[in-house]
C-alpha cells in the first residue's frame, strides 16, 4: 500500500508532500514508512514497526486521515487496504 499526498498550490505557501508506504519485513512484521517535506526537496523519513498487518494499516489510515484534515489531498494511491475497496 502506498499513498502520496500534497498540499494544494498557493502562491504564499510552498507545496508540501506526505508519502505513506506500508511494506512487509523479513521477519513477518510490517513497516510503515513516512516521508514528509517540501516538494522538490529531500524529505524526512520516519519508520514505525508493527508485528501485525492490521495494526500497521490502522496507523496508516490514522496518518492519512490526519493529513487530509490538515488540507493535504491524495495525488497517488497504489494497493488496497484489507477490508476496503
C-alpha atoms as a PDB file:
ATOM      1  CA  UNK A   1       0.000   0.000   0.000  1.00  0.00           C
ATOM      2  CA  UNK A   2       1.323   3.420  -0.947  1.00  0.00           C
ATOM      3  CA  UNK A   3      -0.323   6.849  -0.622  1.00  0.00           C
ATOM      4  CA  UNK A   4       1.218  10.097  -1.887  1.00  0.00           C
ATOM      5  CA  UNK A   5      -0.382  13.389  -0.809  1.00  0.00           C
ATOM      6  CA  UNK A   6       0.320  17.066  -1.458  1.00  0.00           C
ATOM      7  CA  UNK A   7      -0.950  20.383  -0.197  1.00  0.00           C
ATOM      8  CA  UNK A   8      -2.925  22.487  -2.636  1.00  0.00           C
ATOM      9  CA  UNK A   9      -0.997  25.066  -4.622  1.00  0.00           C
ATOM     10  CA  UNK A  10      -0.868  28.541  -3.117  1.00  0.00           C
ATOM     11  CA  UNK A  11       1.484  31.367  -4.142  1.00  0.00           C
ATOM     12  CA  UNK A  12       2.036  32.211  -0.455  1.00  0.00           C
ATOM     13  CA  UNK A  13       2.952  28.672   0.648  1.00  0.00           C
ATOM     14  CA  UNK A  14       5.405  26.185  -0.907  1.00  0.00           C
ATOM     15  CA  UNK A  15       3.994  22.792  -1.897  1.00  0.00           C
ATOM     16  CA  UNK A  16       4.470  20.114   0.755  1.00  0.00           C
ATOM     17  CA  UNK A  17       4.245  16.351   0.329  1.00  0.00           C
ATOM     18  CA  UNK A  18       3.391  13.430   2.609  1.00  0.00           C
ATOM     19  CA  UNK A  19       4.160   9.891   1.456  1.00  0.00           C
ATOM     20  CA  UNK A  20       2.972   6.768   3.322  1.00  0.00           C
ATOM     21  CA  UNK A  21       4.265   3.335   2.353  1.00  0.00           C
ATOM     22  CA  UNK A  22       3.403   0.034   4.035  1.00  0.00           C
ATOM     23  CA  UNK A  23       5.833  -2.833   3.451  1.00  0.00           C
ATOM     24  CA  UNK A  24       6.453  -6.296   4.926  1.00  0.00           C
ATOM     25  CA  UNK A  25       9.761  -7.051   6.606  1.00  0.00           C
ATOM     26  CA  UNK A  26      11.758 -10.298   6.509  1.00  0.00           C
ATOM     27  CA  UNK A  27      10.639 -11.427   9.968  1.00  0.00           C
ATOM     28  CA  UNK A  28       6.893 -11.380   9.299  1.00  0.00           C
ATOM     29  CA  UNK A  29       6.269  -7.880  10.642  1.00  0.00           C
ATOM     30  CA  UNK A  30       5.295  -4.687   8.844  1.00  0.00           C
ATOM     31  CA  UNK A  31       6.913  -1.285   8.475  1.00  0.00           C
ATOM     32  CA  UNK A  32       5.049   1.966   7.924  1.00  0.00           C
ATOM     33  CA  UNK A  33       7.400   4.393   6.179  1.00  0.00           C
ATOM     34  CA  UNK A  34       6.520   8.105   6.219  1.00  0.00           C
ATOM     35  CA  UNK A  35       8.319  10.714   4.168  1.00  0.00           C
ATOM     36  CA  UNK A  36       7.423  14.389   4.549  1.00  0.00           C
ATOM     37  CA  UNK A  37       8.865  17.636   3.287  1.00  0.00           C
ATOM     38  CA  UNK A  38       8.803  20.430   0.739  1.00  0.00           C
ATOM     39  CA  UNK A  39       8.058  19.432  -2.845  1.00  0.00           C
ATOM     40  CA  UNK A  40      11.271  19.111  -4.848  1.00  0.00           C
ATOM     41  CA  UNK A  41      13.491  18.614  -1.828  1.00  0.00           C
ATOM     42  CA  UNK A  42      14.638  15.633   0.170  1.00  0.00           C
ATOM     43  CA  UNK A  43      12.119  14.731   2.831  1.00  0.00           C
ATOM     44  CA  UNK A  44      12.367  13.487   6.379  1.00  0.00           C
ATOM     45  CA  UNK A  45      11.880   9.712   6.640  1.00  0.00           C
ATOM     46  CA  UNK A  46      10.338   8.020   9.680  1.00  0.00           C
ATOM     47  CA  UNK A  47       9.748   4.281  10.127  1.00  0.00           C
ATOM     48  CA  UNK A  48       7.334   2.574  12.512  1.00  0.00           C
ATOM     49  CA  UNK A  49       7.434  -1.189  13.046  1.00  0.00           C
ATOM     50  CA  UNK A  50       4.389  -3.393  13.701  1.00  0.00           C
ATOM     51  CA  UNK A  51       4.099  -7.106  14.428  1.00  0.00           C
ATOM     52  CA  UNK A  52       0.734  -7.379  12.667  1.00  0.00           C
ATOM     53  CA  UNK A  53      -0.518  -6.012   9.361  1.00  0.00           C
ATOM     54  CA  UNK A  54      -3.832  -4.875  10.842  1.00  0.00           C
ATOM     55  CA  UNK A  55      -2.098  -2.597  13.359  1.00  0.00           C
ATOM     56  CA  UNK A  56       0.082  -1.121  10.606  1.00  0.00           C
ATOM     57  CA  UNK A  57      -2.971  -0.497   8.397  1.00  0.00           C
ATOM     58  CA  UNK A  58      -4.824   1.197  11.248  1.00  0.00           C
ATOM     59  CA  UNK A  59      -1.893   3.561  11.807  1.00  0.00           C
ATOM     60  CA  UNK A  60      -1.637   4.253   8.055  1.00  0.00           C
ATOM     61  CA  UNK A  61      -5.349   5.164   7.980  1.00  0.00           C
ATOM     62  CA  UNK A  62      -4.930   7.420  11.038  1.00  0.00           C
ATOM     63  CA  UNK A  63      -1.974   9.204   9.444  1.00  0.00           C
ATOM     64  CA  UNK A  64      -3.798   9.564   6.116  1.00  0.00           C
ATOM     65  CA  UNK A  65      -6.943  10.979   7.742  1.00  0.00           C
ATOM     66  CA  UNK A  66      -4.904  13.358   9.888  1.00  0.00           C
ATOM     67  CA  UNK A  67      -3.170  14.808   6.829  1.00  0.00           C
ATOM     68  CA  UNK A  68      -6.436  15.045   4.865  1.00  0.00           C
ATOM     69  CA  UNK A  69      -7.864  17.099   7.742  1.00  0.00           C
ATOM     70  CA  UNK A  70      -4.810  19.382   7.519  1.00  0.00           C
ATOM     71  CA  UNK A  71      -5.526  20.220   3.865  1.00  0.00           C
ATOM     72  CA  UNK A  72      -3.498  17.592   2.001  1.00  0.00           C
ATOM     73  CA  UNK A  73      -5.063  15.794  -0.965  1.00  0.00           C
ATOM     74  CA  UNK A  74      -4.317  12.337  -2.317  1.00  0.00           C
ATOM     75  CA  UNK A  75      -2.409  12.534  -5.598  1.00  0.00           C
ATOM     76  CA  UNK A  76      -1.483   8.869  -5.988  1.00  0.00           C
ATOM     77  CA  UNK A  77      -2.617   5.652  -4.344  1.00  0.00           C
ATOM     78  CA  UNK A  78      -1.421   2.125  -5.014  1.00  0.00           C
ATOM     79  CA  UNK A  79      -2.788  -1.079  -3.487  1.00  0.00           C
ATOM     80  CA  UNK A  80      -5.776  -1.597  -1.245  1.00  0.00           C
ATOM     81  CA  UNK A  81      -6.235  -1.964   2.465  1.00  0.00           C
ATOM     82  CA  UNK A  82      -7.739  -5.224   3.685  1.00  0.00           C
ATOM     83  CA  UNK A  83     -11.472  -4.861   4.178  1.00  0.00           C
ATOM     84  CA  UNK A  84     -11.776  -1.768   1.927  1.00  0.00           C
ATOM     85  CA  UNK A  85     -12.150  -1.110  -1.776  1.00  0.00           C
END
